[in-house]
Amino acid sequence: MNNEKIYHMAFADLYPFYIAKAERKGRTKEEVNQIIYWLTGYNDDSLTDVTNRRFDVQSFFEFAPHFNENAVLITGVICGVRIETIQEPLMQKIRYLDKLIDELAKGKSLDKIFRTNNLK
């Protein structure tokens, strides 16, 4: 799948997959939402709004109220690619979210996912 196709997918179509992945591992939709809120600055109302309005992935990130500056602390490999080496800013943001959801599904606590111990 090329980047443009991903960028133009409705976030509302991806969101249920994030929830399903977490729930298969005993985690909750609320935890997925907390991750999205932390990363993007959305809240309950604004996330509902962007999913109902079917923002594409590009718009979802472009109009995020406050993309978390600590996202740069998210490192590691997702889909065989080191996140910190991704040159395309939008793809890097998408992979940040993917990585955080993976960490949730693997049982990490939200404190570790939010890198609270790594803050300066």
Protein backbone atom coordinates (compact mmCIF):
# COMPACT_ATOMS: atom_id res chain seq x y z
CA MET A 1 0.00 0.00 0.00
CA ASN A 2 1.51 3.34 -0.96
CA ASN A 3 1.58 6.35 1.34
CA GLU A 4 -1.00 8.36 -0.61
CA LYS A 5 -3.55 5.59 -0.25
CA ILE A 6 -3.01 5.48 3.52
CA TYR A 7 -3.13 9.27 3.80
CA HIS A 8 -6.52 9.41 2.09
CA MET A 9 -8.16 6.59 4.06
CA ALA A 10 -10.82 7.73 6.51
CA PHE A 11 -9.49 7.68 10.05
CA ALA A 12 -12.93 6.36 11.05
CA ASP A 13 -12.11 3.21 9.05
CA LEU A 14 -8.79 2.65 10.88
CA TYR A 15 -10.00 3.50 14.37
CA PRO A 16 -11.97 0.24 14.88
CA PHE A 17 -8.84 -1.75 14.00
CA TYR A 18 -6.87 0.02 16.74
CA ILE A 19 -9.64 -0.78 19.22
CA ALA A 20 -9.93 -4.42 18.08
CA LYS A 21 -6.17 -4.95 18.37
CA ALA A 22 -6.18 -3.61 21.93
CA GLU A 23 -9.31 -5.52 22.96
CA ARG A 24 -7.93 -8.83 21.64
CA LYS A 25 -5.15 -8.40 24.20
CA GLY A 26 -7.45 -7.46 27.08
CA ARG A 27 -7.07 -3.70 26.78
CA THR A 28 -9.89 -1.18 26.31
CA LYS A 29 -11.25 1.37 23.88
CA GLU A 30 -10.77 3.97 26.61
CA GLU A 31 -7.04 3.20 26.73
CA VAL A 32 -6.82 3.51 22.93
CA ASN A 33 -8.57 6.87 23.22
CA GLN A 34 -6.17 8.02 25.96
CA ILE A 35 -3.29 7.24 23.61
CA ILE A 36 -4.91 9.18 20.78
CA TYR A 37 -5.64 12.11 23.11
CA TRP A 38 -2.06 12.14 24.43
CA LEU A 39 -0.52 12.00 20.96
CA THR A 40 -2.84 14.41 19.13
CA GLY A 41 -4.60 16.61 21.66
CA TYR A 42 -8.04 15.43 20.59
CA ASN A 43 -10.64 14.79 23.32
CA ASP A 44 -13.90 12.80 23.44
CA ASP A 45 -15.90 15.42 21.56
CA SER A 46 -13.31 16.30 18.94
CA LEU A 47 -12.43 12.65 18.24
CA THR A 48 -16.12 11.87 17.77
CA ASP A 49 -16.40 14.87 15.47
CA VAL A 50 -13.48 13.88 13.21
CA THR A 51 -14.64 10.29 12.99
CA ASN A 52 -18.24 11.32 12.23
CA ARG A 53 -17.03 13.80 9.61
CA ARG A 54 -14.80 11.04 8.19
CA PHE A 55 -11.58 13.02 8.17
CA ASP A 56 -8.92 11.24 6.17
CA VAL A 57 -5.74 10.26 7.99
CA GLN A 58 -3.87 13.26 6.61
CA SER A 59 -6.52 15.68 7.87
CA PHE A 60 -6.77 13.84 11.18
CA PHE A 61 -3.14 14.60 11.90
CA GLU A 62 -3.06 17.98 10.16
CA PHE A 63 -5.92 19.31 12.28
CA ALA A 64 -4.84 17.66 15.52
CA PRO A 65 -5.32 20.24 18.27
CA HIS A 66 -1.85 19.70 19.75
CA PHE A 67 0.50 17.04 18.47
CA ASN A 68 2.52 16.00 21.50
CA GLU A 69 6.07 17.32 21.37
CA ASN A 70 7.21 14.26 23.34
CA ALA A 71 6.31 12.00 20.42
CA VAL A 72 9.99 12.21 19.43
CA LEU A 73 10.65 9.92 22.40
CA ILE A 74 8.79 7.14 20.56
CA THR A 75 11.41 4.92 19.00
CA GLY A 76 11.65 1.39 17.77
CA VAL A 77 10.58 -0.66 14.81
CA ILE A 78 7.12 -0.81 13.26
CA CYS A 79 6.46 -2.73 10.04
CA GLY A 80 10.19 -3.38 9.77
CA VAL A 81 11.14 0.32 9.76
CA ARG A 82 12.78 2.31 12.55
CA ILE A 83 10.34 5.08 13.45
CA GLU A 84 13.04 7.61 14.17
CA THR A 85 14.43 7.25 10.61
CA ILE A 86 11.14 7.91 8.79
CA GLN A 87 11.64 11.04 6.71
CA GLU A 88 8.01 11.73 5.75
CA PRO A 89 6.49 13.68 8.70
CA LEU A 90 2.94 12.43 8.17
CA MET A 91 4.03 8.79 7.88
CA GLN A 92 6.11 9.20 11.02
CA LYS A 93 3.03 10.45 12.91
CA ILE A 94 0.99 7.51 11.64
CA ARG A 95 3.72 5.10 12.75
CA TYR A 96 3.94 6.81 16.16
CA LEU A 97 0.28 5.97 16.70
CA ASP A 98 0.77 2.42 15.39
CA LYS A 99 3.69 1.90 17.76
CA LEU A 100 1.77 3.18 20.78
CA ILE A 101 -1.17 0.89 20.03
CA ASP A 102 1.26 -2.04 19.63
CA GLU A 103 2.80 -1.24 23.00
CA LEU A 104 -0.66 -1.14 24.59
CA ALA A 105 -1.52 -4.52 23.06
CA LYS A 106 1.77 -5.93 24.38
CA GLY A 107 0.75 -5.01 27.92
CA LYS A 108 2.74 -1.86 28.60
CA SER A 109 1.29 0.55 31.13
CA LEU A 110 0.08 3.93 29.92
CA ASP A 111 2.83 5.64 31.94
CA LYS A 112 5.47 3.73 29.98
CA ILE A 113 3.63 4.30 26.69
CA PHE A 114 3.54 8.05 27.40
CA ARG A 115 7.27 7.99 28.23
CA THR A 116 6.70 9.85 31.49
CA ASN A 117 10.03 8.61 32.87
CA ASN A 118 11.90 9.91 29.78
CA LEU A 119 10.79 13.53 30.17
CA LYS A 120 13.53 16.02 30.92
